[in-house]
Amino acid sequence: MFLPITKKEMKMRGWNQADFVYVIGDAYVDHSSFGPAIISRVLEAHGY
Protein backbone atom coordinates (compact mmCIF):
# COMPACT_ATOMS: atom_id res chain seq x y z
CA MET A 1 0.00 0.00 0.00
CA PHE A 2 1.24 3.48 -0.86
CA LEU A 3 1.91 6.05 1.82
CA PRO A 4 -0.83 8.68 2.14
CA ILE A 5 -0.18 12.00 0.40
CA THR A 6 -3.53 13.70 1.02
CA LYS A 7 -5.69 14.32 4.07
CA LYS A 8 -8.38 12.08 2.57
CA GLU A 9 -5.88 9.21 2.30
CA MET A 10 -4.82 9.78 5.91
CA LYS A 11 -8.45 9.57 7.05
CA MET A 12 -8.92 6.31 5.11
CA ARG A 13 -6.03 4.83 7.14
CA GLY A 14 -7.55 6.06 10.40
CA TRP A 15 -4.93 8.74 11.00
CA ASN A 16 -6.14 11.96 12.65
CA GLN A 17 -2.90 13.85 12.14
CA ALA A 18 0.55 13.37 10.71
CA ASP A 19 3.57 12.79 12.96
CA PHE A 20 5.86 14.08 10.22
CA VAL A 21 5.41 16.09 7.07
CA TYR A 22 8.27 15.31 4.75
CA VAL A 23 8.75 18.04 2.12
CA ILE A 24 10.97 17.45 -0.90
CA GLY A 25 11.50 19.36 -4.12
CA ASP A 26 11.14 16.28 -6.31
CA ALA A 27 8.16 14.16 -7.19
CA TYR A 28 7.58 11.42 -4.60
CA VAL A 29 8.31 8.01 -6.05
CA ASP A 30 7.44 5.10 -3.75
CA HIS A 31 10.33 2.84 -4.76
CA SER A 32 13.17 1.44 -2.68
CA SER A 33 15.84 3.07 -4.86
CA PHE A 34 14.71 6.60 -3.94
CA GLY A 35 15.89 8.19 -0.67
CA PRO A 36 12.60 9.87 0.34
CA ALA A 37 10.75 6.57 -0.06
CA ILE A 38 13.29 4.76 2.11
CA ILE A 39 13.11 7.41 4.83
CA SER A 40 9.30 7.44 4.72
CA ARG A 41 9.05 3.63 4.93
CA VAL A 42 11.53 3.46 7.85
CA LEU A 43 9.50 6.06 9.76
CA GLU A 44 6.27 4.18 9.00
CA ALA A 45 7.81 0.88 10.12
CA HIS A 46 8.70 2.48 13.46
CA GLY A 47 5.15 3.62 14.09
CA TYR A 48 5.29 7.22 12.87
C-alpha atoms as a PDB file:
ATOM      1  CA  MET A   1       0.000   0.000   0.000  1.00  0.00           C
ATOM      2  CA  PHE A   2       1.242   3.477  -0.865  1.00  0.00           C
ATOM      3  CA  LEU A   3       1.913   6.048   1.817  1.00  0.00           C
ATOM      4  CA  PRO A   4      -0.826   8.685   2.136  1.00  0.00           C
ATOM      5  CA  ILE A   5      -0.177  11.998   0.396  1.00  0.00           C
ATOM      6  CA  THR A   6      -3.528  13.701   1.021  1.00  0.00           C
ATOM      7  CA  LYS A   7      -5.689  14.321   4.070  1.00  0.00           C
ATOM      8  CA  LYS A   8      -8.378  12.080   2.568  1.00  0.00           C
ATOM      9  CA  GLU A   9      -5.885   9.205   2.302  1.00  0.00           C
ATOM     10  CA  MET A  10      -4.818   9.777   5.913  1.00  0.00           C
ATOM     11  CA  LYS A  11      -8.448   9.568   7.054  1.00  0.00           C
ATOM     12  CA  MET A  12      -8.918   6.315   5.107  1.00  0.00           C
ATOM     13  CA  ARG A  13      -6.026   4.834   7.143  1.00  0.00           C
ATOM     14  CA  GLY A  14      -7.551   6.060  10.400  1.00  0.00           C
ATOM     15  CA  TRP A  15      -4.927   8.738  10.996  1.00  0.00           C
ATOM     16  CA  ASN A  16      -6.145  11.962  12.651  1.00  0.00           C
ATOM     17  CA  GLN A  17      -2.900  13.855  12.143  1.00  0.00           C
ATOM     18  CA  ALA A  18       0.551  13.365  10.706  1.00  0.00           C
ATOM     19  CA  ASP A  19       3.566  12.786  12.959  1.00  0.00           C
ATOM     20  CA  PHE A  20       5.865  14.081  10.222  1.00  0.00           C
ATOM     21  CA  VAL A  21       5.411  16.095   7.066  1.00  0.00           C
ATOM     22  CA  TYR A  22       8.268  15.312   4.746  1.00  0.00           C
ATOM     23  CA  VAL A  23       8.746  18.045   2.123  1.00  0.00           C
ATOM     24  CA  ILE A  24      10.969  17.453  -0.895  1.00  0.00           C
ATOM     25  CA  GLY A  25      11.497  19.365  -4.124  1.00  0.00           C
ATOM     26  CA  ASP A  26      11.138  16.283  -6.313  1.00  0.00           C
ATOM     27  CA  ALA A  27       8.155  14.162  -7.185  1.00  0.00           C
ATOM     28  CA  TYR A  28       7.578  11.424  -4.598  1.00  0.00           C
ATOM     29  CA  VAL A  29       8.308   8.008  -6.055  1.00  0.00           C
ATOM     30  CA  ASP A  30       7.443   5.101  -3.747  1.00  0.00           C
ATOM     31  CA  HIS A  31      10.326   2.842  -4.758  1.00  0.00           C
ATOM     32  CA  SER A  32      13.170   1.441  -2.679  1.00  0.00           C
ATOM     33  CA  SER A  33      15.837   3.072  -4.861  1.00  0.00           C
ATOM     34  CA  PHE A  34      14.708   6.604  -3.938  1.00  0.00           C
ATOM     35  CA  GLY A  35      15.892   8.188  -0.673  1.00  0.00           C
ATOM     36  CA  PRO A  36      12.604   9.870   0.335  1.00  0.00           C
ATOM     37  CA  ALA A  37      10.747   6.573  -0.057  1.00  0.00           C
ATOM     38  CA  ILE A  38      13.288   4.762   2.106  1.00  0.00           C
ATOM     39  CA  ILE A  39      13.106   7.414   4.832  1.00  0.00           C
ATOM     40  CA  SER A  40       9.298   7.435   4.722  1.00  0.00           C
ATOM     41  CA  ARG A  41       9.054   3.632   4.932  1.00  0.00           C
ATOM     42  CA  VAL A  42      11.527   3.459   7.845  1.00  0.00           C
ATOM     43  CA  LEU A  43       9.496   6.063   9.759  1.00  0.00           C
ATOM     44  CA  GLU A  44       6.267   4.178   9.002  1.00  0.00           C
ATOM     45  CA  ALA A  45       7.807   0.883  10.124  1.00  0.00           C
ATOM     46  CA  HIS A  46       8.701   2.483  13.463  1.00  0.00           C
ATOM     47  CA  GLY A  47       5.147   3.617  14.094  1.00  0.00           C
ATOM     48  CA  TYR A  48       5.289   7.216  12.865  1.00  0.00           C
END
